[in-house]
C-alpha atoms as a PDB file:
ATOM      1  CA  MET A   1      18.078 -36.465   6.524  1.00  0.00           C
ATOM      2  CA  ILE A   2      16.145 -36.767   3.260  1.00  0.00           C
ATOM      3  CA  GLU A   3      13.029 -35.357   4.921  1.00  0.00           C
ATOM      4  CA  LEU A   4      14.961 -32.247   5.891  1.00  0.00           C
ATOM      5  CA  LEU A   5      16.171 -31.764   2.329  1.00  0.00           C
ATOM      6  CA  VAL A   6      12.616 -32.150   1.026  1.00  0.00           C
ATOM      7  CA  VAL A   7      11.306 -29.578   3.487  1.00  0.00           C
ATOM      8  CA  ILE A   8      14.063 -27.137   2.575  1.00  0.00           C
ATOM      9  CA  SER A   9      13.445 -27.664  -1.138  1.00  0.00           C
ATOM     10  CA  VAL A  10       9.735 -26.913  -0.638  1.00  0.00           C
ATOM     11  CA  ILE A  11      10.213 -23.864   1.589  1.00  0.00           C
ATOM     12  CA  THR A  12      12.903 -22.195  -0.544  1.00  0.00           C
ATOM     13  CA  PRO A  13      10.731 -21.541  -3.648  1.00  0.00           C
ATOM     14  CA  LEU A  14       7.860 -20.387  -1.453  1.00  0.00           C
ATOM     15  CA  MET A  15      10.117 -17.848   0.242  1.00  0.00           C
ATOM     16  CA  ALA A  16      11.435 -16.718  -3.143  1.00  0.00           C
ATOM     17  CA  VAL A  17       7.867 -15.957  -4.221  1.00  0.00           C
ATOM     18  CA  LEU A  18       6.711 -14.362  -0.961  1.00  0.00           C
ATOM     19  CA  MET A  19       9.661 -12.065  -0.193  1.00  0.00           C
ATOM     20  CA  PRO A  20       9.111  -9.614  -3.102  1.00  0.00           C
ATOM     21  CA  ALA A  21       5.418  -9.388  -2.214  1.00  0.00           C
ATOM     22  CA  LEU A  22       6.257  -8.621   1.410  1.00  0.00           C
ATOM     23  CA  ASN A  23       8.755  -5.952   0.356  1.00  0.00           C
ATOM     24  CA  ARG A  24       6.163  -4.279  -1.892  1.00  0.00           C
ATOM     25  CA  ALA A  25       3.611  -4.313   0.926  1.00  0.00           C
ATOM     26  CA  ARG A  26       6.148  -2.748   3.292  1.00  0.00           C
ATOM     27  CA  GLU A  27       6.909  -0.034   0.722  1.00  0.00           C
ATOM     28  CA  VAL A  28       3.210   0.788   0.309  1.00  0.00           C
ATOM     29  CA  VAL A  29       2.803   1.102   4.073  1.00  0.00           C
ATOM     30  CA  CYS A  30       5.791   3.448   4.262  1.00  0.00           C
ATOM     31  CA  ARG A  31       4.499   5.696   1.470  1.00  0.00           C
ATOM     32  CA  SER A  32       0.894   5.960   2.629  1.00  0.00           C
ATOM     33  CA  PRO A  33       1.411   8.779   5.207  1.00  0.00           C
ATOM     34  CA  LEU A  34       3.062  11.096   2.647  1.00  0.00           C
ATOM     35  CA  PRO A  35      -0.119  12.341   0.904  1.00  0.00           C
ATOM     36  CA  GLN A  36      -1.782  12.798   4.290  1.00  0.00           C
ATOM     37  CA  GLY A  37       0.990  15.151   5.402  1.00  0.00           C
ATOM     38  CA  SER A  38       0.596  17.220   2.258  1.00  0.00           C
ATOM     39  CA  LEU A  39      -3.156  17.360   2.823  1.00  0.00           C
ATOM     40  CA  CYS A  40      -2.592  18.587   6.387  1.00  0.00           C
ATOM     41  CA  PHE A  41      -0.424  21.471   5.164  1.00  0.00           C
ATOM     42  CA  THR A  42      -2.943  22.336   2.459  1.00  0.00           C
ATOM     43  CA  MET A  43      -5.856  22.355   4.903  1.00  0.00           C
ATOM     44  CA  TYR A  44      -3.901  24.462   7.403  1.00  0.00           C
ATOM     45  CA  THR A  45      -2.998  27.077   4.810  1.00  0.00           C
ATOM     46  CA  GLY A  46      -6.613  27.147   3.618  1.00  0.00           C
ATOM     47  CA  ASP A  47      -7.809  27.885   7.141  1.00  0.00           C
ATOM     48  CA  HIS A  48      -5.138  30.508   7.875  1.00  0.00           C
ATOM     49  CA  ASP A  49      -5.197  32.878   4.876  1.00  0.00           C
ATOM     50  CA  GLY A  50      -2.601  30.930   2.896  1.00  0.00           C
ATOM     51  CA  LYS A  51       0.039  31.055   5.645  1.00  0.00           C
ATOM     52  CA  PHE A  52       2.088  28.025   6.578  1.00  0.00           C
ATOM     53  CA  VAL A  53       2.478  26.608  10.040  1.00  0.00           C
ATOM     54  CA  PRO A  54       4.322  29.104  12.295  1.00  0.00           C
ATOM     55  CA  GLY A  55       8.055  28.709  12.030  1.00  0.00           C
ATOM     56  CA  ILE A  56       8.209  27.991   8.306  1.00  0.00           C
ATOM     57  CA  ASP A  57      10.121  30.787   6.621  1.00  0.00           C
ATOM     58  CA  GLU A  58      12.442  31.312   3.678  1.00  0.00           C
ATOM     59  CA  ASP A  59      15.090  29.052   5.212  1.00  0.00           C
ATOM     60  CA  TRP A  60      12.917  25.996   4.593  1.00  0.00           C
ATOM     61  CA  PRO A  61      13.616  23.945   1.480  1.00  0.00           C
ATOM     62  CA  ARG A  62      11.737  24.905  -1.644  1.00  0.00           C
ATOM     63  CA  TRP A  63       9.794  21.629  -1.798  1.00  0.00           C
ATOM     64  CA  MET A  64       8.395  22.313   1.680  1.00  0.00           C
ATOM     65  CA  ARG A  65       7.169  25.768   0.683  1.00  0.00           C
ATOM     66  CA  ASN A  66       5.630  24.356  -2.515  1.00  0.00           C
ATOM     67  CA  LEU A  67       3.478  21.826  -0.685  1.00  0.00           C
END
């Protein structure tokens, strides 16, 4: 029984230290594709006389047109 308490008391602080680091890593992975998408739109408009992908018109949100 004491061994179990020792193991739990060792693992708990380790998890408390590792969980924020894992959450930050997960957040970085989620954000990494965002600049690539913007770059794709920029390259497309550069190759097509400043026009967006077909189908994007005035109904699209302003942030999408400003990319």
